């Protein structure tokens, strides 16, 4: 019972923090924008932009922009590796394994750390949507939709950073 009480107390304390409430608003705003794209352009794969956006937006108050930027870089890396693999080799188990390895190594090389998980998600999005491959939807489009979600996430993150920026005191009288 004590654990349950502690969990509820921690939950209550977390949900009232301004940065956490802003995280929820950013996720909802971004999801709505990407969903609007998905509904406006049903012939395109904008569901991947929703997933990408939610992977990129960072809940942490500290270093939120840097974390989001790292996740965006990672998503783009995963999408580009997946696109290159599809175009050069097609899709099979060996291509999947080599693509995962290349993505991890590249993310490690440019020091993306935990953001490499976003890269792997984007990689799989681009590599494995075989249902739409047959219907004419290409890896190019899936890569574009992943990047679109990243860009929307970054714009929303930047807007919130701008809103939360400290007011400069110009020495004038209020």
C-alpha atoms as a PDB file:
ATOM      1  CA  UNK A   1       0.000   0.000   0.000  1.00  0.00           C
ATOM      2  CA  UNK A   2       2.889   2.352   0.805  1.00  0.00           C
ATOM      3  CA  UNK A   3       4.325   1.828  -2.697  1.00  0.00           C
ATOM      4  CA  UNK A   4       0.956   2.706  -4.239  1.00  0.00           C
ATOM      5  CA  UNK A   5       0.758   5.894  -2.153  1.00  0.00           C
ATOM      6  CA  UNK A   6       4.322   6.846  -3.123  1.00  0.00           C
ATOM      7  CA  UNK A   7       3.622   6.203  -6.828  1.00  0.00           C
ATOM      8  CA  UNK A   8       0.525   8.386  -6.703  1.00  0.00           C
ATOM      9  CA  UNK A   9       2.407  11.125  -4.856  1.00  0.00           C
ATOM     10  CA  UNK A  10       5.251  11.051  -7.408  1.00  0.00           C
ATOM     11  CA  UNK A  11       2.725  11.087 -10.252  1.00  0.00           C
ATOM     12  CA  UNK A  12       0.861  14.050  -8.759  1.00  0.00           C
ATOM     13  CA  UNK A  13       4.109  15.962  -8.240  1.00  0.00           C
ATOM     14  CA  UNK A  14       5.229  15.282 -11.812  1.00  0.00           C
ATOM     15  CA  UNK A  15       2.033  16.270 -13.624  1.00  0.00           C
ATOM     16  CA  UNK A  16       1.902  19.731 -12.076  1.00  0.00           C
ATOM     17  CA  UNK A  17       5.404  20.712 -13.179  1.00  0.00           C
ATOM     18  CA  UNK A  18       5.246  23.364 -15.927  1.00  0.00           C
ATOM     19  CA  UNK A  19       7.773  21.620 -18.181  1.00  0.00           C
ATOM     20  CA  UNK A  20       5.773  18.374 -17.977  1.00  0.00           C
ATOM     21  CA  UNK A  21       2.538  20.134 -18.859  1.00  0.00           C
ATOM     22  CA  UNK A  22       4.340  21.800 -21.765  1.00  0.00           C
ATOM     23  CA  UNK A  23       5.601  18.391 -22.895  1.00  0.00           C
ATOM     24  CA  UNK A  24       2.017  17.142 -23.025  1.00  0.00           C
ATOM     25  CA  UNK A  25       0.920  20.237 -24.963  1.00  0.00           C
ATOM     26  CA  UNK A  26       3.829  19.851 -27.417  1.00  0.00           C
ATOM     27  CA  UNK A  27       2.941  16.200 -28.030  1.00  0.00           C
ATOM     28  CA  UNK A  28      -0.739  17.012 -28.512  1.00  0.00           C
ATOM     29  CA  UNK A  29      -0.055  19.974 -30.821  1.00  0.00           C
ATOM     30  CA  UNK A  30       2.426  18.032 -32.930  1.00  0.00           C
ATOM     31  CA  UNK A  31       0.188  14.988 -33.131  1.00  0.00           C
ATOM     32  CA  UNK A  32      -2.702  17.173 -34.254  1.00  0.00           C
ATOM     33  CA  UNK A  33      -0.605  18.843 -36.970  1.00  0.00           C
ATOM     34  CA  UNK A  34       0.710  15.513 -38.253  1.00  0.00           C
ATOM     35  CA  UNK A  35      -2.748  13.969 -38.057  1.00  0.00           C
ATOM     36  CA  UNK A  36      -4.102  16.870 -40.113  1.00  0.00           C
ATOM     37  CA  UNK A  37      -1.454  16.113 -42.758  1.00  0.00           C
ATOM     38  CA  UNK A  38      -2.423  12.442 -42.587  1.00  0.00           C
ATOM     39  CA  UNK A  39      -6.110  13.283 -43.146  1.00  0.00           C
ATOM     40  CA  UNK A  40      -5.466  15.956 -45.800  1.00  0.00           C
ATOM     41  CA  UNK A  41      -3.153  13.706 -47.809  1.00  0.00           C
ATOM     42  CA  UNK A  42      -4.460  10.153 -47.271  1.00  0.00           C
ATOM     43  CA  UNK A  43      -2.470   8.876 -50.241  1.00  0.00           C
ATOM     44  CA  UNK A  44       0.743   9.613 -48.329  1.00  0.00           C
ATOM     45  CA  UNK A  45       2.173   7.920 -45.258  1.00  0.00           C
ATOM     46  CA  UNK A  46       1.960  10.748 -42.703  1.00  0.00           C
ATOM     47  CA  UNK A  47       1.230   8.301 -39.869  1.00  0.00           C
ATOM     48  CA  UNK A  48       5.017   7.933 -39.785  1.00  0.00           C
ATOM     49  CA  UNK A  49       5.366  11.658 -39.095  1.00  0.00           C
ATOM     50  CA  UNK A  50       3.263  11.249 -35.948  1.00  0.00           C
ATOM     51  CA  UNK A  51       5.522   8.460 -34.691  1.00  0.00           C
ATOM     52  CA  UNK A  52       8.636  10.423 -35.615  1.00  0.00           C
ATOM     53  CA  UNK A  53       7.368  13.564 -33.880  1.00  0.00           C
ATOM     54  CA  UNK A  54       6.587  11.686 -30.676  1.00  0.00           C
ATOM     55  CA  UNK A  55      10.059  10.113 -30.701  1.00  0.00           C
ATOM     56  CA  UNK A  56      11.729  13.496 -31.181  1.00  0.00           C
ATOM     57  CA  UNK A  57       9.931  15.666 -28.611  1.00  0.00           C
ATOM     58  CA  UNK A  58      11.806  15.497 -25.317  1.00  0.00           C
ATOM     59  CA  UNK A  59       9.978  15.552 -21.975  1.00  0.00           C
ATOM     60  CA  UNK A  60      13.041  16.765 -20.115  1.00  0.00           C
ATOM     61  CA  UNK A  61      13.134  20.445 -19.303  1.00  0.00           C
ATOM     62  CA  UNK A  62      16.926  20.530 -19.238  1.00  0.00           C
ATOM     63  CA  UNK A  63      18.584  20.347 -22.665  1.00  0.00           C
ATOM     64  CA  UNK A  64      15.207  19.879 -24.352  1.00  0.00           C
ATOM     65  CA  UNK A  65      16.304  21.497 -27.613  1.00  0.00           C
ATOM     66  CA  UNK A  66      19.595  19.591 -27.745  1.00  0.00           C
ATOM     67  CA  UNK A  67      17.862  16.296 -26.986  1.00  0.00           C
ATOM     68  CA  UNK A  68      15.239  16.991 -29.634  1.00  0.00           C
ATOM     69  CA  UNK A  69      17.935  17.944 -32.125  1.00  0.00           C
ATOM     70  CA  UNK A  70      19.845  14.726 -31.391  1.00  0.00           C
ATOM     71  CA  UNK A  71      16.676  12.675 -31.864  1.00  0.00           C
ATOM     72  CA  UNK A  72      15.950  14.482 -35.119  1.00  0.00           C
ATOM     73  CA  UNK A  73      19.475  13.743 -36.370  1.00  0.00           C
ATOM     74  CA  UNK A  74      19.017  10.134 -35.345  1.00  0.00           C
ATOM     75  CA  UNK A  75      15.676   9.816 -37.153  1.00  0.00           C
ATOM     76  CA  UNK A  76      17.186  11.273 -40.303  1.00  0.00           C
ATOM     77  CA  UNK A  77      20.165   8.901 -40.065  1.00  0.00           C
ATOM     78  CA  UNK A  78      17.873   5.902 -39.671  1.00  0.00           C
ATOM     79  CA  UNK A  79      15.651   7.017 -42.545  1.00  0.00           C
ATOM     80  CA  UNK A  80      18.609   7.684 -44.855  1.00  0.00           C
ATOM     81  CA  UNK A  81      20.277   4.354 -44.040  1.00  0.00           C
ATOM     82  CA  UNK A  82      16.967   2.591 -44.647  1.00  0.00           C
ATOM     83  CA  UNK A  83      16.427   4.400 -47.941  1.00  0.00           C
ATOM     84  CA  UNK A  84      19.954   3.620 -49.125  1.00  0.00           C
ATOM     85  CA  UNK A  85      19.549  -0.045 -48.174  1.00  0.00           C
ATOM     86  CA  UNK A  86      16.213  -0.371 -49.998  1.00  0.00           C
ATOM     87  CA  UNK A  87      17.538   1.354 -53.120  1.00  0.00           C
ATOM     88  CA  UNK A  88      20.844  -0.515 -53.219  1.00  0.00           C
ATOM     89  CA  UNK A  89      19.872  -3.976 -52.023  1.00  0.00           C
ATOM     90  CA  UNK A  90      16.145  -4.393 -51.539  1.00  0.00           C
ATOM     91  CA  UNK A  91      14.895  -5.902 -48.308  1.00  0.00           C
ATOM     92  CA  UNK A  92      15.905  -9.194 -46.731  1.00  0.00           C
ATOM     93  CA  UNK A  93      17.241 -10.374 -43.376  1.00  0.00           C
ATOM     94  CA  UNK A  94      20.877  -9.636 -44.240  1.00  0.00           C
ATOM     95  CA  UNK A  95      20.013  -6.081 -45.357  1.00  0.00           C
ATOM     96  CA  UNK A  96      18.060  -5.565 -42.128  1.00  0.00           C
ATOM     97  CA  UNK A  97      20.950  -6.732 -39.943  1.00  0.00           C
ATOM     98  CA  UNK A  98      23.578  -4.752 -41.838  1.00  0.00           C
ATOM     99  CA  UNK A  99      21.351  -1.645 -41.757  1.00  0.00           C
ATOM    100  CA  UNK A 100      20.888  -1.960 -37.992  1.00  0.00           C
ATOM    101  CA  UNK A 101      24.656  -2.306 -37.562  1.00  0.00           C
ATOM    102  CA  UNK A 102      25.443   0.671 -39.820  1.00  0.00           C
ATOM    103  CA  UNK A 103      22.852   2.818 -38.042  1.00  0.00           C
ATOM    104  CA  UNK A 104      24.209   1.984 -34.574  1.00  0.00           C
ATOM    105  CA  UNK A 105      27.809   2.560 -35.657  1.00  0.00           C
ATOM    106  CA  UNK A 106      27.024   5.879 -37.343  1.00  0.00           C
ATOM    107  CA  UNK A 107      25.055   7.121 -34.323  1.00  0.00           C
ATOM    108  CA  UNK A 108      27.931   6.073 -32.064  1.00  0.00           C
ATOM    109  CA  UNK A 109      30.443   7.816 -34.331  1.00  0.00           C
ATOM    110  CA  UNK A 110      28.606  11.149 -34.105  1.00  0.00           C
ATOM    111  CA  UNK A 111      27.911  10.625 -30.377  1.00  0.00           C
ATOM    112  CA  UNK A 112      24.119  10.458 -30.388  1.00  0.00           C
ATOM    113  CA  UNK A 113      23.953   8.086 -27.419  1.00  0.00           C
ATOM    114  CA  UNK A 114      20.414   7.106 -26.443  1.00  0.00           C
ATOM    115  CA  UNK A 115      19.021   8.887 -29.492  1.00  0.00           C
ATOM    116  CA  UNK A 116      20.227   5.922 -31.545  1.00  0.00           C
ATOM    117  CA  UNK A 117      16.989   4.180 -30.548  1.00  0.00           C
ATOM    118  CA  UNK A 118      15.085   6.795 -32.568  1.00  0.00           C
ATOM    119  CA  UNK A 119      17.395   6.100 -35.490  1.00  0.00           C
ATOM    120  CA  UNK A 120      16.589   2.411 -35.296  1.00  0.00           C
ATOM    121  CA  UNK A 121      12.852   3.126 -35.211  1.00  0.00           C
ATOM    122  CA  UNK A 122      13.133   5.325 -38.312  1.00  0.00           C
ATOM    123  CA  UNK A 123      15.260   2.673 -40.006  1.00  0.00           C
ATOM    124  CA  UNK A 124      12.591   0.028 -39.460  1.00  0.00           C
ATOM    125  CA  UNK A 125       9.827   2.389 -40.636  1.00  0.00           C
ATOM    126  CA  UNK A 126      11.625   2.924 -43.929  1.00  0.00           C
ATOM    127  CA  UNK A 127      12.752  -0.693 -44.393  1.00  0.00           C
ATOM    128  CA  UNK A 128       9.687  -2.706 -43.525  1.00  0.00           C
ATOM    129  CA  UNK A 129       6.519  -1.085 -44.800  1.00  0.00           C
ATOM    130  CA  UNK A 130       6.139  -3.774 -47.463  1.00  0.00           C
ATOM    131  CA  UNK A 131       2.366  -3.388 -47.720  1.00  0.00           C
ATOM    132  CA  UNK A 132       2.807   0.095 -49.143  1.00  0.00           C
ATOM    133  CA  UNK A 133       5.870  -0.783 -51.231  1.00  0.00           C
ATOM    134  CA  UNK A 134       3.675  -2.893 -53.461  1.00  0.00           C
ATOM    135  CA  UNK A 135       1.126  -0.086 -53.673  1.00  0.00           C
ATOM    136  CA  UNK A 136       3.666   2.357 -55.091  1.00  0.00           C
ATOM    137  CA  UNK A 137       4.532   4.173 -51.877  1.00  0.00           C
ATOM    138  CA  UNK A 138       8.308   4.348 -51.860  1.00  0.00           C
ATOM    139  CA  UNK A 139      11.001   4.476 -49.246  1.00  0.00           C
ATOM    140  CA  UNK A 140      11.535   8.080 -50.349  1.00  0.00           C
ATOM    141  CA  UNK A 141       8.072   8.985 -49.156  1.00  0.00           C
ATOM    142  CA  UNK A 142       8.435   7.205 -45.832  1.00  0.00           C
ATOM    143  CA  UNK A 143      11.760   8.974 -45.299  1.00  0.00           C
ATOM    144  CA  UNK A 144      10.107  12.313 -46.154  1.00  0.00           C
ATOM    145  CA  UNK A 145       7.274  11.656 -43.686  1.00  0.00           C
ATOM    146  CA  UNK A 146       9.725  10.737 -40.902  1.00  0.00           C
ATOM    147  CA  UNK A 147      11.693  13.937 -41.544  1.00  0.00           C
ATOM    148  CA  UNK A 148       8.454  15.977 -41.694  1.00  0.00           C
ATOM    149  CA  UNK A 149       7.580  14.755 -38.197  1.00  0.00           C
ATOM    150  CA  UNK A 150      11.073  15.712 -37.000  1.00  0.00           C
ATOM    151  CA  UNK A 151      10.790  19.209 -38.455  1.00  0.00           C
ATOM    152  CA  UNK A 152       7.355  19.782 -36.919  1.00  0.00           C
ATOM    153  CA  UNK A 153       8.721  18.597 -33.548  1.00  0.00           C
ATOM    154  CA  UNK A 154      11.694  20.945 -33.795  1.00  0.00           C
ATOM    155  CA  UNK A 155       9.517  23.935 -34.700  1.00  0.00           C
ATOM    156  CA  UNK A 156       7.214  23.238 -31.750  1.00  0.00           C
ATOM    157  CA  UNK A 157      10.206  22.755 -29.429  1.00  0.00           C
ATOM    158  CA  UNK A 158      11.742  26.020 -30.612  1.00  0.00           C
ATOM    159  CA  UNK A 159       8.440  27.888 -30.119  1.00  0.00           C
ATOM    160  CA  UNK A 160       8.276  26.668 -26.513  1.00  0.00           C
ATOM    161  CA  UNK A 161      11.909  27.608 -25.909  1.00  0.00           C
ATOM    162  CA  UNK A 162      11.121  31.077 -27.255  1.00  0.00           C
ATOM    163  CA  UNK A 163       8.002  31.342 -25.064  1.00  0.00           C
ATOM    164  CA  UNK A 164       9.997  30.269 -21.981  1.00  0.00           C
ATOM    165  CA  UNK A 165      13.041  32.429 -22.619  1.00  0.00           C
ATOM    166  CA  UNK A 166      14.022  34.599 -19.684  1.00  0.00           C
ATOM    167  CA  UNK A 167      12.920  38.194 -19.975  1.00  0.00           C
ATOM    168  CA  UNK A 168      15.850  40.522 -20.503  1.00  0.00           C
ATOM    169  CA  UNK A 169      16.035  43.398 -18.116  1.00  0.00           C
ATOM    170  CA  UNK A 170      17.092  46.384 -20.195  1.00  0.00           C
ATOM    171  CA  UNK A 171      17.556  48.567 -17.133  1.00  0.00           C
ATOM    172  CA  UNK A 172      14.440  50.580 -17.928  1.00  0.00           C
ATOM    173  CA  UNK A 173      11.669  51.426 -15.522  1.00  0.00           C
ATOM    174  CA  UNK A 174       8.637  49.135 -15.561  1.00  0.00           C
END
